[in-house]
């Protein structure tokens, strides 16, 4: 009975450790906040180690299991590929995003000569023009940027309604837009303008003819039939007058600075303990004399009869 309980206890401990290792340890750890780690991965504290475990650990799994030797530890490395060129974040990007930044290479698939190694290359096709993204252009998005040596794969998109505008700019040679004899123009002028006195310029009749030639090629084209256009300019007379000098307008100063000073009233401080209340004035007594005068004499003004 004792051996049975000991066996069950050991079995339970082993099961819990395996479950924690493969489920809790692999999923709940090795998380990465790229934007936070790019700025703070050099700080050696517990908060950075907790949020940047893929940088500090070596046993974190790759995002792509097919290529274990050259892979990115996170899926959104392409969103932060501009940090691959900065010296402050180069060490972090080399360990977490080595494939995106071009620090390692993968073998090309057999039978495919022109392809994109990233799924988001077409969304970032505007970076094909910039020199600082040369690693991404030459190694990761060669099909989208039109730098493949095999042009048969790219030629399929020249007539596609989706990629036609893009291919006409990026892959002009592949699509047959780079002909040497596209336009040739002839310009004929009968006379030149002459300068006379009184600062006047007189021009005579000028005829200009422009001839456009369509390039000869075996591929069918959709060019419009060219026409010869003749532009006729009638004689004109232009009078040249010297520019008029206008002096700057002087605006007199109509305002002046006024300094206003204010005086604060004096503060009267009194001691509450020594302050004495004034005495209440005593009422004055008045002698009221009652008289038996008639009513008309009872007023403030006395009236005396003469």
C-alpha atoms as a PDB file:
ATOM      1  CA  UNK A   1       0.000   0.000   0.000  1.00  0.00           C
ATOM      2  CA  UNK A   2       2.831   2.360   0.820  1.00  0.00           C
ATOM      3  CA  UNK A   3       4.607   1.633  -2.452  1.00  0.00           C
ATOM      4  CA  UNK A   4       1.380   2.185  -4.365  1.00  0.00           C
ATOM      5  CA  UNK A   5       0.824   5.610  -2.846  1.00  0.00           C
ATOM      6  CA  UNK A   6       4.460   6.563  -3.444  1.00  0.00           C
ATOM      7  CA  UNK A   7       4.202   5.471  -7.065  1.00  0.00           C
ATOM      8  CA  UNK A   8       1.042   7.504  -7.607  1.00  0.00           C
ATOM      9  CA  UNK A   9       2.633  10.569  -6.039  1.00  0.00           C
ATOM     10  CA  UNK A  10       5.697  10.370  -8.274  1.00  0.00           C
ATOM     11  CA  UNK A  11       3.529   9.779 -11.326  1.00  0.00           C
ATOM     12  CA  UNK A  12       1.391  12.790 -10.472  1.00  0.00           C
ATOM     13  CA  UNK A  13       4.442  15.045 -10.062  1.00  0.00           C
ATOM     14  CA  UNK A  14       5.923  13.943 -13.383  1.00  0.00           C
ATOM     15  CA  UNK A  15       2.611  14.483 -15.182  1.00  0.00           C
ATOM     16  CA  UNK A  16       2.227  17.994 -13.778  1.00  0.00           C
ATOM     17  CA  UNK A  17       5.787  18.936 -14.724  1.00  0.00           C
ATOM     18  CA  UNK A  18       5.362  17.674 -18.299  1.00  0.00           C
ATOM     19  CA  UNK A  19       2.034  19.478 -18.678  1.00  0.00           C
ATOM     20  CA  UNK A  20       3.487  22.721 -17.324  1.00  0.00           C
ATOM     21  CA  UNK A  21       6.540  22.453 -19.549  1.00  0.00           C
ATOM     22  CA  UNK A  22       4.761  21.873 -22.838  1.00  0.00           C
ATOM     23  CA  UNK A  23       1.633  23.955 -22.323  1.00  0.00           C
ATOM     24  CA  UNK A  24       2.189  26.594 -19.694  1.00  0.00           C
ATOM     25  CA  UNK A  25       5.920  27.114 -20.159  1.00  0.00           C
ATOM     26  CA  UNK A  26       5.963  27.203 -23.941  1.00  0.00           C
ATOM     27  CA  UNK A  27       2.863  29.342 -24.418  1.00  0.00           C
ATOM     28  CA  UNK A  28       2.817  31.678 -21.456  1.00  0.00           C
ATOM     29  CA  UNK A  29       6.530  32.444 -21.692  1.00  0.00           C
ATOM     30  CA  UNK A  30       8.584  33.590 -24.664  1.00  0.00           C
ATOM     31  CA  UNK A  31       6.260  36.505 -25.246  1.00  0.00           C
ATOM     32  CA  UNK A  32       7.607  39.642 -26.868  1.00  0.00           C
ATOM     33  CA  UNK A  33       6.550  43.255 -27.031  1.00  0.00           C
ATOM     34  CA  UNK A  34       8.752  44.340 -29.920  1.00  0.00           C
ATOM     35  CA  UNK A  35       8.301  48.096 -29.643  1.00  0.00           C
ATOM     36  CA  UNK A  36       9.026  48.013 -25.916  1.00  0.00           C
ATOM     37  CA  UNK A  37      12.009  45.687 -26.267  1.00  0.00           C
ATOM     38  CA  UNK A  38      13.593  47.671 -29.101  1.00  0.00           C
ATOM     39  CA  UNK A  39      13.844  50.728 -26.846  1.00  0.00           C
ATOM     40  CA  UNK A  40      14.577  49.037 -23.505  1.00  0.00           C
ATOM     41  CA  UNK A  41      16.337  45.731 -24.220  1.00  0.00           C
ATOM     42  CA  UNK A  42      19.668  47.110 -22.949  1.00  0.00           C
ATOM     43  CA  UNK A  43      18.239  47.659 -19.472  1.00  0.00           C
ATOM     44  CA  UNK A  44      18.989  44.729 -17.201  1.00  0.00           C
ATOM     45  CA  UNK A  45      15.968  44.646 -14.921  1.00  0.00           C
ATOM     46  CA  UNK A  46      13.138  42.241 -14.198  1.00  0.00           C
ATOM     47  CA  UNK A  47      10.487  44.118 -16.179  1.00  0.00           C
ATOM     48  CA  UNK A  48      12.521  44.022 -19.384  1.00  0.00           C
ATOM     49  CA  UNK A  49      13.415  40.353 -18.926  1.00  0.00           C
ATOM     50  CA  UNK A  50       9.770  39.494 -18.418  1.00  0.00           C
ATOM     51  CA  UNK A  51       8.531  41.298 -21.537  1.00  0.00           C
ATOM     52  CA  UNK A  52      11.540  40.461 -23.738  1.00  0.00           C
ATOM     53  CA  UNK A  53      11.965  36.772 -23.022  1.00  0.00           C
ATOM     54  CA  UNK A  54      12.712  35.871 -26.625  1.00  0.00           C
ATOM     55  CA  UNK A  55      15.758  38.099 -26.514  1.00  0.00           C
ATOM     56  CA  UNK A  56      17.089  36.753 -23.217  1.00  0.00           C
ATOM     57  CA  UNK A  57      16.205  33.083 -23.820  1.00  0.00           C
ATOM     58  CA  UNK A  58      17.683  30.641 -26.299  1.00  0.00           C
ATOM     59  CA  UNK A  59      15.044  27.897 -26.240  1.00  0.00           C
ATOM     60  CA  UNK A  60      12.113  29.933 -27.607  1.00  0.00           C
ATOM     61  CA  UNK A  61      10.529  28.314 -30.670  1.00  0.00           C
ATOM     62  CA  UNK A  62      10.645  29.908 -34.133  1.00  0.00           C
ATOM     63  CA  UNK A  63       7.568  31.371 -35.738  1.00  0.00           C
ATOM     64  CA  UNK A  64       8.165  29.194 -38.828  1.00  0.00           C
ATOM     65  CA  UNK A  65       8.878  25.592 -37.938  1.00  0.00           C
ATOM     66  CA  UNK A  66      10.101  24.655 -41.431  1.00  0.00           C
ATOM     67  CA  UNK A  67      13.299  26.683 -41.111  1.00  0.00           C
ATOM     68  CA  UNK A  68      14.819  26.310 -37.668  1.00  0.00           C
ATOM     69  CA  UNK A  69      18.297  27.543 -38.622  1.00  0.00           C
ATOM     70  CA  UNK A  70      17.145  30.868 -40.110  1.00  0.00           C
ATOM     71  CA  UNK A  71      13.834  32.108 -38.774  1.00  0.00           C
ATOM     72  CA  UNK A  72      12.193  34.980 -36.951  1.00  0.00           C
ATOM     73  CA  UNK A  73      11.067  34.511 -33.367  1.00  0.00           C
ATOM     74  CA  UNK A  74       8.026  36.760 -33.907  1.00  0.00           C
ATOM     75  CA  UNK A  75       5.557  36.987 -36.761  1.00  0.00           C
ATOM     76  CA  UNK A  76       5.460  40.764 -37.259  1.00  0.00           C
ATOM     77  CA  UNK A  77       9.154  41.443 -37.845  1.00  0.00           C
ATOM     78  CA  UNK A  78       8.406  43.034 -41.210  1.00  0.00           C
ATOM     79  CA  UNK A  79       6.460  45.800 -39.480  1.00  0.00           C
ATOM     80  CA  UNK A  80       9.639  46.902 -37.683  1.00  0.00           C
ATOM     81  CA  UNK A  81      12.243  46.323 -40.400  1.00  0.00           C
ATOM     82  CA  UNK A  82      13.324  49.970 -40.288  1.00  0.00           C
ATOM     83  CA  UNK A  83      15.049  49.227 -36.967  1.00  0.00           C
ATOM     84  CA  UNK A  84      17.428  46.774 -38.678  1.00  0.00           C
ATOM     85  CA  UNK A  85      19.638  49.657 -39.847  1.00  0.00           C
ATOM     86  CA  UNK A  86      19.830  51.542 -36.547  1.00  0.00           C
ATOM     87  CA  UNK A  87      22.853  50.897 -34.360  1.00  0.00           C
ATOM     88  CA  UNK A  88      20.899  51.156 -31.125  1.00  0.00           C
ATOM     89  CA  UNK A  89      18.515  48.303 -32.040  1.00  0.00           C
ATOM     90  CA  UNK A  90      20.721  46.234 -34.355  1.00  0.00           C
ATOM     91  CA  UNK A  91      21.683  43.738 -31.638  1.00  0.00           C
ATOM     92  CA  UNK A  92      18.060  43.070 -30.732  1.00  0.00           C
ATOM     93  CA  UNK A  93      16.854  42.715 -34.332  1.00  0.00           C
ATOM     94  CA  UNK A  94      19.734  40.362 -35.142  1.00  0.00           C
ATOM     95  CA  UNK A  95      18.610  37.915 -32.473  1.00  0.00           C
ATOM     96  CA  UNK A  96      14.823  38.232 -32.732  1.00  0.00           C
ATOM     97  CA  UNK A  97      14.361  38.988 -36.474  1.00  0.00           C
ATOM     98  CA  UNK A  98      17.493  37.662 -38.240  1.00  0.00           C
ATOM     99  CA  UNK A  99      15.696  36.518 -41.391  1.00  0.00           C
ATOM    100  CA  UNK A 100      13.822  39.770 -41.948  1.00  0.00           C
ATOM    101  CA  UNK A 101      16.923  41.904 -41.409  1.00  0.00           C
ATOM    102  CA  UNK A 102      19.048  39.743 -43.721  1.00  0.00           C
ATOM    103  CA  UNK A 103      21.462  38.315 -41.157  1.00  0.00           C
ATOM    104  CA  UNK A 104      20.904  34.753 -42.416  1.00  0.00           C
ATOM    105  CA  UNK A 105      19.772  33.061 -45.632  1.00  0.00           C
ATOM    106  CA  UNK A 106      17.421  30.216 -46.493  1.00  0.00           C
ATOM    107  CA  UNK A 107      17.817  27.795 -49.398  1.00  0.00           C
ATOM    108  CA  UNK A 108      15.605  28.664 -52.360  1.00  0.00           C
ATOM    109  CA  UNK A 109      12.891  26.165 -53.306  1.00  0.00           C
ATOM    110  CA  UNK A 110      13.625  23.885 -56.228  1.00  0.00           C
ATOM    111  CA  UNK A 111      12.030  24.826 -59.565  1.00  0.00           C
ATOM    112  CA  UNK A 112      11.142  28.410 -58.636  1.00  0.00           C
ATOM    113  CA  UNK A 113      13.395  31.171 -59.940  1.00  0.00           C
ATOM    114  CA  UNK A 114      11.424  34.312 -59.154  1.00  0.00           C
ATOM    115  CA  UNK A 115       9.321  34.576 -56.017  1.00  0.00           C
ATOM    116  CA  UNK A 116       8.701  36.684 -52.918  1.00  0.00           C
ATOM    117  CA  UNK A 117       9.849  35.319 -49.590  1.00  0.00           C
ATOM    118  CA  UNK A 118       7.423  37.521 -47.646  1.00  0.00           C
ATOM    119  CA  UNK A 119       3.657  37.605 -47.899  1.00  0.00           C
ATOM    120  CA  UNK A 120       3.509  41.372 -47.276  1.00  0.00           C
ATOM    121  CA  UNK A 121       5.839  42.409 -50.098  1.00  0.00           C
ATOM    122  CA  UNK A 122       3.088  43.838 -52.267  1.00  0.00           C
ATOM    123  CA  UNK A 123       1.797  45.960 -49.383  1.00  0.00           C
ATOM    124  CA  UNK A 124       5.272  47.488 -49.018  1.00  0.00           C
ATOM    125  CA  UNK A 125       6.091  47.810 -52.717  1.00  0.00           C
ATOM    126  CA  UNK A 126       6.757  51.553 -52.289  1.00  0.00           C
ATOM    127  CA  UNK A 127      10.026  50.640 -50.554  1.00  0.00           C
ATOM    128  CA  UNK A 128      11.482  49.282 -53.779  1.00  0.00           C
ATOM    129  CA  UNK A 129      12.533  52.820 -54.719  1.00  0.00           C
ATOM    130  CA  UNK A 130      14.533  53.493 -51.531  1.00  0.00           C
ATOM    131  CA  UNK A 131      18.172  52.505 -51.218  1.00  0.00           C
ATOM    132  CA  UNK A 132      18.026  51.927 -47.467  1.00  0.00           C
ATOM    133  CA  UNK A 133      15.682  48.970 -48.070  1.00  0.00           C
ATOM    134  CA  UNK A 134      18.076  47.233 -50.477  1.00  0.00           C
ATOM    135  CA  UNK A 135      18.241  44.090 -48.322  1.00  0.00           C
ATOM    136  CA  UNK A 136      14.502  43.636 -48.442  1.00  0.00           C
ATOM    137  CA  UNK A 137      14.377  44.412 -52.172  1.00  0.00           C
ATOM    138  CA  UNK A 138      17.155  42.103 -53.315  1.00  0.00           C
ATOM    139  CA  UNK A 139      16.633  39.200 -50.912  1.00  0.00           C
ATOM    140  CA  UNK A 140      13.015  39.194 -49.812  1.00  0.00           C
ATOM    141  CA  UNK A 141      10.765  40.873 -52.425  1.00  0.00           C
ATOM    142  CA  UNK A 142      12.553  40.313 -55.713  1.00  0.00           C
ATOM    143  CA  UNK A 143       9.371  39.363 -57.569  1.00  0.00           C
ATOM    144  CA  UNK A 144       7.389  42.390 -56.407  1.00  0.00           C
ATOM    145  CA  UNK A 145      10.239  44.835 -57.033  1.00  0.00           C
ATOM    146  CA  UNK A 146      10.915  43.386 -60.500  1.00  0.00           C
ATOM    147  CA  UNK A 147      14.597  42.459 -60.165  1.00  0.00           C
ATOM    148  CA  UNK A 148      14.339  38.759 -61.036  1.00  0.00           C
ATOM    149  CA  UNK A 149      16.688  37.394 -63.682  1.00  0.00           C
ATOM    150  CA  UNK A 150      13.951  35.145 -65.031  1.00  0.00           C
ATOM    151  CA  UNK A 151      11.546  37.515 -66.792  1.00  0.00           C
ATOM    152  CA  UNK A 152       9.071  34.889 -67.941  1.00  0.00           C
ATOM    153  CA  UNK A 153       7.400  34.833 -64.538  1.00  0.00           C
ATOM    154  CA  UNK A 154       7.061  38.610 -64.443  1.00  0.00           C
ATOM    155  CA  UNK A 155       5.778  38.908 -68.011  1.00  0.00           C
ATOM    156  CA  UNK A 156       2.500  37.274 -66.989  1.00  0.00           C
ATOM    157  CA  UNK A 157       1.541  40.307 -64.892  1.00  0.00           C
ATOM    158  CA  UNK A 158       2.076  42.866 -67.677  1.00  0.00           C
ATOM    159  CA  UNK A 159      -1.423  42.304 -69.044  1.00  0.00           C
ATOM    160  CA  UNK A 160      -3.080  41.740 -65.682  1.00  0.00           C
ATOM    161  CA  UNK A 161      -5.702  44.417 -64.882  1.00  0.00           C
ATOM    162  CA  UNK A 162      -4.546  44.423 -61.251  1.00  0.00           C
ATOM    163  CA  UNK A 163      -0.770  44.782 -61.756  1.00  0.00           C
ATOM    164  CA  UNK A 164      -0.743  46.565 -65.129  1.00  0.00           C
ATOM    165  CA  UNK A 165      -0.127  50.057 -63.722  1.00  0.00           C
ATOM    166  CA  UNK A 166       2.485  48.784 -61.311  1.00  0.00           C
ATOM    167  CA  UNK A 167       4.341  46.746 -63.933  1.00  0.00           C
ATOM    168  CA  UNK A 168       4.406  49.660 -66.381  1.00  0.00           C
ATOM    169  CA  UNK A 169       6.508  51.619 -63.869  1.00  0.00           C
ATOM    170  CA  UNK A 170       8.628  48.948 -62.183  1.00  0.00           C
ATOM    171  CA  UNK A 171       9.130  46.458 -65.046  1.00  0.00           C
ATOM    172  CA  UNK A 172       9.212  48.560 -68.194  1.00  0.00           C
ATOM    173  CA  UNK A 173      11.904  46.431 -69.838  1.00  0.00           C
ATOM    174  CA  UNK A 174      10.159  43.142 -69.132  1.00  0.00           C
ATOM    175  CA  UNK A 175       6.823  44.373 -70.463  1.00  0.00           C
ATOM    176  CA  UNK A 176       8.384  45.855 -73.624  1.00  0.00           C
ATOM    177  CA  UNK A 177       7.947  49.519 -72.757  1.00  0.00           C
ATOM    178  CA  UNK A 178      11.654  50.412 -73.150  1.00  0.00           C
ATOM    179  CA  UNK A 179      11.954  50.802 -76.963  1.00  0.00           C
ATOM    180  CA  UNK A 180      14.701  53.084 -78.220  1.00  0.00           C
ATOM    181  CA  UNK A 181      12.743  54.565 -81.169  1.00  0.00           C
ATOM    182  CA  UNK A 182       9.601  55.703 -79.405  1.00  0.00           C
ATOM    183  CA  UNK A 183       9.314  59.350 -80.461  1.00  0.00           C
ATOM    184  CA  UNK A 184      11.176  61.499 -82.949  1.00  0.00           C
ATOM    185  CA  UNK A 185      10.292  65.134 -83.424  1.00  0.00           C
ATOM    186  CA  UNK A 186      11.231  67.659 -86.124  1.00  0.00           C
ATOM    187  CA  UNK A 187      11.075  71.367 -85.422  1.00  0.00           C
ATOM    188  CA  UNK A 188      11.123  73.912 -88.256  1.00  0.00           C
ATOM    189  CA  UNK A 189      11.184  77.667 -87.629  1.00  0.00           C
ATOM    190  CA  UNK A 190      10.844  80.122 -90.524  1.00  0.00           C
ATOM    191  CA  UNK A 191      12.218  83.184 -88.764  1.00  0.00           C
ATOM    192  CA  UNK A 192      13.494  84.287 -85.399  1.00  0.00           C
ATOM    193  CA  UNK A 193      12.355  87.231 -83.303  1.00  0.00           C
ATOM    194  CA  UNK A 194      14.218  90.498 -83.885  1.00  0.00           C
ATOM    195  CA  UNK A 195      14.954  93.278 -81.411  1.00  0.00           C
ATOM    196  CA  UNK A 196      14.221  96.844 -82.506  1.00  0.00           C
ATOM    197  CA  UNK A 197      14.488 100.233 -80.922  1.00  0.00           C
ATOM    198  CA  UNK A 198      12.216 101.592 -78.185  1.00  0.00           C
ATOM    199  CA  UNK A 199      12.560  98.308 -76.313  1.00  0.00           C
ATOM    200  CA  UNK A 200      10.137  96.357 -78.546  1.00  0.00           C
ATOM    201  CA  UNK A 201      10.354  92.778 -79.769  1.00  0.00           C
ATOM    202  CA  UNK A 202       8.698  91.862 -83.069  1.00  0.00           C
ATOM    203  CA  UNK A 203       8.123  88.247 -84.100  1.00  0.00           C
ATOM    204  CA  UNK A 204       7.130  87.013 -87.500  1.00  0.00           C
ATOM    205  CA  UNK A 205       5.154  83.942 -88.495  1.00  0.00           C
ATOM    206  CA  UNK A 206       6.507  80.734 -86.982  1.00  0.00           C
ATOM    207  CA  UNK A 207       5.466  77.232 -88.082  1.00  0.00           C
ATOM    208  CA  UNK A 208       6.259  74.211 -85.933  1.00  0.00           C
ATOM    209  CA  UNK A 209       5.717  70.619 -87.061  1.00  0.00           C
ATOM    210  CA  UNK A 210       5.960  67.624 -84.713  1.00  0.00           C
ATOM    211  CA  UNK A 211       6.053  64.108 -86.148  1.00  0.00           C
ATOM    212  CA  UNK A 212       5.566  61.108 -83.835  1.00  0.00           C
ATOM    213  CA  UNK A 213       6.767  57.700 -85.007  1.00  0.00           C
ATOM    214  CA  UNK A 214       5.404  54.491 -83.514  1.00  0.00           C
ATOM    215  CA  UNK A 215       8.081  51.883 -82.623  1.00  0.00           C
ATOM    216  CA  UNK A 216       8.166  48.819 -84.806  1.00  0.00           C
ATOM    217  CA  UNK A 217       7.762  45.616 -82.805  1.00  0.00           C
ATOM    218  CA  UNK A 218       6.287  42.188 -83.336  1.00  0.00           C
ATOM    219  CA  UNK A 219       4.055  42.385 -80.275  1.00  0.00           C
ATOM    220  CA  UNK A 220       0.580  43.852 -80.823  1.00  0.00           C
ATOM    221  CA  UNK A 221       0.254  47.399 -79.517  1.00  0.00           C
ATOM    222  CA  UNK A 222      -2.700  49.640 -78.784  1.00  0.00           C
ATOM    223  CA  UNK A 223      -1.250  52.986 -79.951  1.00  0.00           C
ATOM    224  CA  UNK A 224      -3.454  55.508 -81.747  1.00  0.00           C
ATOM    225  CA  UNK A 225      -2.616  56.357 -85.375  1.00  0.00           C
ATOM    226  CA  UNK A 226      -0.197  59.328 -85.302  1.00  0.00           C
ATOM    227  CA  UNK A 227      -1.113  62.648 -86.847  1.00  0.00           C
ATOM    228  CA  UNK A 228       1.008  65.603 -87.959  1.00  0.00           C
ATOM    229  CA  UNK A 229       0.105  68.758 -86.105  1.00  0.00           C
ATOM    230  CA  UNK A 230       1.098  72.223 -87.330  1.00  0.00           C
ATOM    231  CA  UNK A 231       1.043  75.106 -84.884  1.00  0.00           C
ATOM    232  CA  UNK A 232       0.950  78.603 -86.379  1.00  0.00           C
ATOM    233  CA  UNK A 233       1.867  81.659 -84.315  1.00  0.00           C
ATOM    234  CA  UNK A 234       0.779  85.049 -85.702  1.00  0.00           C
ATOM    235  CA  UNK A 235       3.144  88.083 -85.639  1.00  0.00           C
ATOM    236  CA  UNK A 236       3.021  89.888 -82.355  1.00  0.00           C
ATOM    237  CA  UNK A 237       4.677  92.971 -80.898  1.00  0.00           C
ATOM    238  CA  UNK A 238       5.707  93.077 -77.277  1.00  0.00           C
ATOM    239  CA  UNK A 239       6.759  96.277 -75.540  1.00  0.00           C
ATOM    240  CA  UNK A 240       9.334  95.957 -72.818  1.00  0.00           C
ATOM    241  CA  UNK A 241       9.103  98.530 -70.065  1.00  0.00           C
ATOM    242  CA  UNK A 242      11.458  98.782 -67.131  1.00  0.00           C
ATOM    243  CA  UNK A 243       9.975  97.808 -63.787  1.00  0.00           C
ATOM    244  CA  UNK A 244       8.561 100.606 -61.678  1.00  0.00           C
ATOM    245  CA  UNK A 245      10.230 101.029 -58.318  1.00  0.00           C
ATOM    246  CA  UNK A 246       7.678 101.435 -55.580  1.00  0.00           C
ATOM    247  CA  UNK A 247       9.195 102.663 -52.326  1.00  0.00           C
ATOM    248  CA  UNK A 248       8.021 100.968 -49.177  1.00  0.00           C
ATOM    249  CA  UNK A 249       5.173 102.645 -47.381  1.00  0.00           C
ATOM    250  CA  UNK A 250       6.164 104.246 -44.101  1.00  0.00           C
ATOM    251  CA  UNK A 251       3.613 103.654 -41.413  1.00  0.00           C
ATOM    252  CA  UNK A 252       4.048 106.095 -38.519  1.00  0.00           C
ATOM    253  CA  UNK A 253       3.927 104.779 -35.048  1.00  0.00           C
ATOM    254  CA  UNK A 254       0.590 105.743 -33.579  1.00  0.00           C
ATOM    255  CA  UNK A 255       0.844 103.999 -30.272  1.00  0.00           C
ATOM    256  CA  UNK A 256       3.196 104.496 -27.397  1.00  0.00           C
ATOM    257  CA  UNK A 257       4.017 102.443 -24.417  1.00  0.00           C
ATOM    258  CA  UNK A 258       2.294 103.468 -21.214  1.00  0.00           C
ATOM    259  CA  UNK A 259       3.559 102.195 -17.906  1.00  0.00           C
ATOM    260  CA  UNK A 260       0.816 101.895 -15.357  1.00  0.00           C
ATOM    261  CA  UNK A 261       1.738 101.565 -11.725  1.00  0.00           C
ATOM    262  CA  UNK A 262      -0.727 100.785  -9.021  1.00  0.00           C
ATOM    263  CA  UNK A 263      -0.422 101.516  -5.336  1.00  0.00           C
ATOM    264  CA  UNK A 264      -1.699  99.092  -2.860  1.00  0.00           C
ATOM    265  CA  UNK A 265      -3.603 100.558   0.063  1.00  0.00           C
ATOM    266  CA  UNK A 266      -1.747 100.481   3.336  1.00  0.00           C
ATOM    267  CA  UNK A 267      -2.472  97.545   5.534  1.00  0.00           C
ATOM    268  CA  UNK A 268      -3.638  98.526   8.980  1.00  0.00           C
ATOM    269  CA  UNK A 269      -2.807  95.878  11.493  1.00  0.00           C
ATOM    270  CA  UNK A 270      -4.436  95.991  14.862  1.00  0.00           C
ATOM    271  CA  UNK A 271      -3.866  93.871  17.849  1.00  0.00           C
ATOM    272  CA  UNK A 272      -7.009  92.065  18.817  1.00  0.00           C
ATOM    273  CA  UNK A 273      -5.986  91.793  22.430  1.00  0.00           C
ATOM    274  CA  UNK A 274      -5.310  95.502  22.952  1.00  0.00           C
ATOM    275  CA  UNK A 275      -8.107  96.855  20.779  1.00  0.00           C
ATOM    276  CA  UNK A 276     -10.737  98.690  22.771  1.00  0.00           C
ATOM    277  CA  UNK A 277     -14.265  99.191  21.651  1.00  0.00           C
ATOM    278  CA  UNK A 278     -15.386 102.797  21.513  1.00  0.00           C
ATOM    279  CA  UNK A 279     -17.863 103.928  24.082  1.00  0.00           C
ATOM    280  CA  UNK A 280     -21.441 104.302  23.081  1.00  0.00           C
ATOM    281  CA  UNK A 281     -22.368 107.984  22.871  1.00  0.00           C
ATOM    282  CA  UNK A 282     -24.899 109.111  25.400  1.00  0.00           C
ATOM    283  CA  UNK A 283     -28.133 110.502  23.966  1.00  0.00           C
ATOM    284  CA  UNK A 284     -28.613 114.222  24.218  1.00  0.00           C
ATOM    285  CA  UNK A 285     -31.617 115.473  26.126  1.00  0.00           C
ATOM    286  CA  UNK A 286     -33.888 118.022  24.615  1.00  0.00           C
ATOM    287  CA  UNK A 287     -36.324 120.157  26.402  1.00  0.00           C
ATOM    288  CA  UNK A 288     -39.701 119.897  24.809  1.00  0.00           C
ATOM    289  CA  UNK A 289     -42.009 122.760  25.656  1.00  0.00           C
ATOM    290  CA  UNK A 290     -45.616 122.382  24.957  1.00  0.00           C
ATOM    291  CA  UNK A 291     -47.416 125.513  23.992  1.00  0.00           C
ATOM    292  CA  UNK A 292     -50.972 126.317  23.413  1.00  0.00           C
ATOM    293  CA  UNK A 293     -50.388 127.972  20.117  1.00  0.00           C
ATOM    294  CA  UNK A 294     -52.754 127.391  17.241  1.00  0.00           C
ATOM    295  CA  UNK A 295     -52.026 124.685  14.742  1.00  0.00           C
ATOM    296  CA  UNK A 296     -50.702 127.056  12.113  1.00  0.00           C
ATOM    297  CA  UNK A 297     -47.905 128.138  14.428  1.00  0.00           C
ATOM    298  CA  UNK A 298     -46.792 124.588  15.129  1.00  0.00           C
ATOM    299  CA  UNK A 299     -44.002 124.243  12.536  1.00  0.00           C
ATOM    300  CA  UNK A 300     -40.282 124.368  12.288  1.00  0.00           C
ATOM    301  CA  UNK A 301     -40.388 127.951  11.187  1.00  0.00           C
ATOM    302  CA  UNK A 302     -41.979 130.369  13.523  1.00  0.00           C
ATOM    303  CA  UNK A 303     -44.265 132.942  12.034  1.00  0.00           C
ATOM    304  CA  UNK A 304     -44.562 136.239  13.778  1.00  0.00           C
ATOM    305  CA  UNK A 305     -47.362 138.610  13.070  1.00  0.00           C
ATOM    306  CA  UNK A 306     -46.625 142.231  12.857  1.00  0.00           C
END
